[in-house]
Protein backbone atom coordinates (compact mmCIF):
# COMPACT_ATOMS: atom_id res chain seq x y z
CA MET A 1 0.00 0.00 0.00
CA LEU A 2 1.20 3.46 -0.92
CA ARG A 3 0.15 6.46 1.15
CA ILE A 4 0.10 9.91 -0.37
CA GLU A 5 -0.19 12.98 1.84
CA THR A 6 -2.03 15.78 0.06
CA SER A 7 -2.19 19.42 1.04
CA GLY A 8 -5.53 19.94 -0.67
CA ARG A 9 -6.97 20.02 -4.16
CA GLY A 10 -4.50 19.34 -6.94
CA PHE A 11 -2.34 16.78 -8.68
CA TYR A 12 0.27 14.66 -6.89
CA GLU A 13 2.62 12.72 -9.11
CA PHE A 14 3.75 9.35 -7.79
CA SER A 15 5.27 7.79 -10.92
CA MET A 16 8.60 7.11 -9.21
CA ASN A 17 6.87 5.22 -6.40
CA ILE A 18 5.21 2.81 -8.80
CA ARG A 19 8.36 2.47 -10.90
CA ASP A 20 10.24 1.49 -7.73
CA PHE A 21 7.47 -0.97 -6.81
CA ALA A 22 7.65 -2.62 -10.24
CA ARG A 23 11.46 -2.73 -10.19
CA ASP A 24 11.53 -4.31 -6.73
CA ALA A 25 9.16 -7.06 -7.92
CA ARG A 26 11.89 -8.23 -10.33
CA MET A 27 9.40 -9.23 -13.01
CA THR A 28 9.96 -8.77 -16.72
CA GLN A 29 6.40 -8.95 -18.07
CA GLY A 30 3.12 -8.22 -16.37
CA LEU A 31 0.36 -5.81 -15.53
CA LEU A 32 0.36 -3.32 -12.68
CA THR A 33 -2.99 -2.37 -11.20
CA VAL A 34 -3.07 0.94 -9.34
CA PHE A 35 -6.22 1.44 -7.24
CA CYS A 36 -7.34 4.52 -5.30
CA ARG A 37 -9.30 3.57 -2.17
CA HIS A 38 -11.34 6.79 -2.00
CA THR A 39 -14.49 8.34 -3.48
CA SER A 40 -13.30 11.94 -3.44
CA ALA A 41 -9.93 11.45 -5.14
CA SER A 42 -8.95 9.72 -8.36
CA LEU A 43 -6.09 8.67 -10.61
CA LEU A 44 -4.85 10.06 -13.90
CA ILE A 45 -2.13 9.31 -16.39
CA GLN A 46 -1.30 12.72 -17.74
CA GLU A 47 1.51 14.89 -19.06
CA ASN A 48 4.18 15.53 -16.45
CA ALA A 49 6.39 17.99 -18.37
CA ASP A 50 4.27 21.12 -18.80
CA PRO A 51 2.46 22.24 -15.61
CA THR A 52 -0.02 24.31 -17.62
CA VAL A 53 -1.71 21.05 -18.65
CA LEU A 54 -2.58 20.32 -15.02
CA ARG A 55 -3.69 23.91 -14.39
CA ASP A 56 -6.01 23.76 -17.40
CA LEU A 57 -7.41 20.40 -16.28
CA GLU A 58 -8.15 21.82 -12.84
CA ALA A 59 -9.92 24.81 -14.44
CA VAL A 60 -12.07 22.53 -16.60
CA PHE A 61 -13.08 20.38 -13.62
CA ALA A 62 -13.91 23.51 -11.62
CA ARG A 63 -16.40 24.43 -14.36
CA LEU A 64 -17.77 20.88 -14.69
CA ALA A 65 -18.34 20.39 -10.96
CA PRO A 66 -18.58 23.80 -9.28
CA GLU A 67 -18.86 24.12 -5.51
CA ALA A 68 -21.59 26.77 -5.83
CA ALA A 69 -24.17 24.38 -7.33
CA ALA A 70 -27.20 23.27 -5.31
CA TYR A 71 -26.29 19.67 -4.45
CA ALA A 72 -28.45 17.55 -2.13
CA HIS A 73 -25.33 15.90 -0.68
CA ASP A 74 -23.47 18.49 1.40
CA THR A 75 -22.87 16.55 4.62
CA GLU A 76 -19.09 17.00 4.52
CA GLY A 77 -19.04 20.55 3.14
CA PRO A 78 -19.45 22.36 -0.17
CA ASP A 79 -16.43 20.68 -1.79
CA ASP A 80 -17.63 17.11 -1.11
CA MET A 81 -20.20 16.54 -3.86
CA PRO A 82 -18.03 18.23 -6.51
CA ALA A 83 -15.25 15.86 -5.38
CA HIS A 84 -17.52 12.84 -5.96
CA ILE A 85 -18.46 14.14 -9.41
CA ARG A 86 -14.81 14.66 -10.34
CA ALA A 87 -13.98 11.12 -9.18
CA ALA A 88 -16.90 9.73 -11.21
CA LEU A 89 -15.62 11.50 -14.34
CA THR A 90 -12.06 10.24 -13.96
CA GLN A 91 -10.71 6.89 -12.73
CA THR A 92 -10.07 5.14 -9.46
CA GLN A 93 -8.15 2.28 -11.11
CA LEU A 94 -5.38 2.19 -13.71
CA SER A 95 -3.71 -0.72 -15.52
CA ILE A 96 -0.14 -0.21 -16.71
CA PRO A 97 1.74 -2.88 -18.69
CA LEU A 98 5.16 -4.03 -17.53
CA ILE A 99 7.39 -4.78 -20.51
CA GLY A 100 11.03 -5.77 -20.26
CA GLY A 101 11.00 -5.05 -16.54
CA ALA A 102 9.80 -1.44 -16.95
CA LEU A 103 6.42 0.22 -16.87
CA ALA A 104 5.26 1.04 -20.40
CA LEU A 105 4.52 4.69 -19.74
CA GLY A 106 5.14 7.17 -22.54
CA THR A 107 7.92 9.75 -22.42
CA TRP A 108 5.72 12.55 -21.07
CA GLN A 109 3.28 10.43 -19.07
CA GLY A 110 3.13 10.62 -15.31
CA VAL A 111 0.79 8.92 -12.85
CA PHE A 112 -1.06 11.32 -10.59
CA LEU A 113 -3.36 11.23 -7.64
CA PHE A 114 -6.01 13.87 -8.34
CA GLU A 115 -7.11 15.22 -4.95
CA HIS A 116 -10.59 16.71 -5.23
CA ARG A 117 -11.04 18.05 -1.68
CA ARG A 118 -9.74 21.42 -0.45
CA SER A 119 -8.30 20.12 2.83
CA ALA A 120 -5.30 17.89 3.37
CA HIS A 121 -5.84 14.13 3.27
CA ARG A 122 -3.86 10.93 3.56
CA ARG A 123 -4.80 8.87 0.51
CA GLU A 124 -4.18 5.15 0.15
CA ILE A 125 -3.21 3.61 -3.17
CA THR A 126 -3.13 -0.15 -3.56
CA LEU A 127 -0.59 -1.59 -6.00
CA HIS A 128 -0.85 -5.11 -7.43
CA LEU A 129 1.49 -6.56 -10.03
CA ILE A 130 0.89 -9.86 -11.78
CA GLY A 131 3.27 -11.40 -14.29
CA GLU A 132 6.53 -13.23 -14.55
């Protein structure tokens, strides 16, 4: 299990953590499953070279799931239901091939936890690698 400490809404790259996990497994071929154990955070494979990509993504999601809307679910505050919507529109599970002992991510691809809540959280990511 991987734990990621967030400081609030935003993107948290953890590509090196999963590369280390795959390397330590000493497999050459396989499939890595990355699973986020939360309903108000999600996972993305996205560009990790130009930070404006992530800023633009955050701006789009702010328009798609605004805090100011009249949601029935507001038990945990005004950012909770928008967080659930953002998680529903993205992914909580990723599958990444392992080829030749390395994850088959593209040159500019990074793996990110997408924190949807404004406050800090400790997020748990489960990693599972099958192969040979």
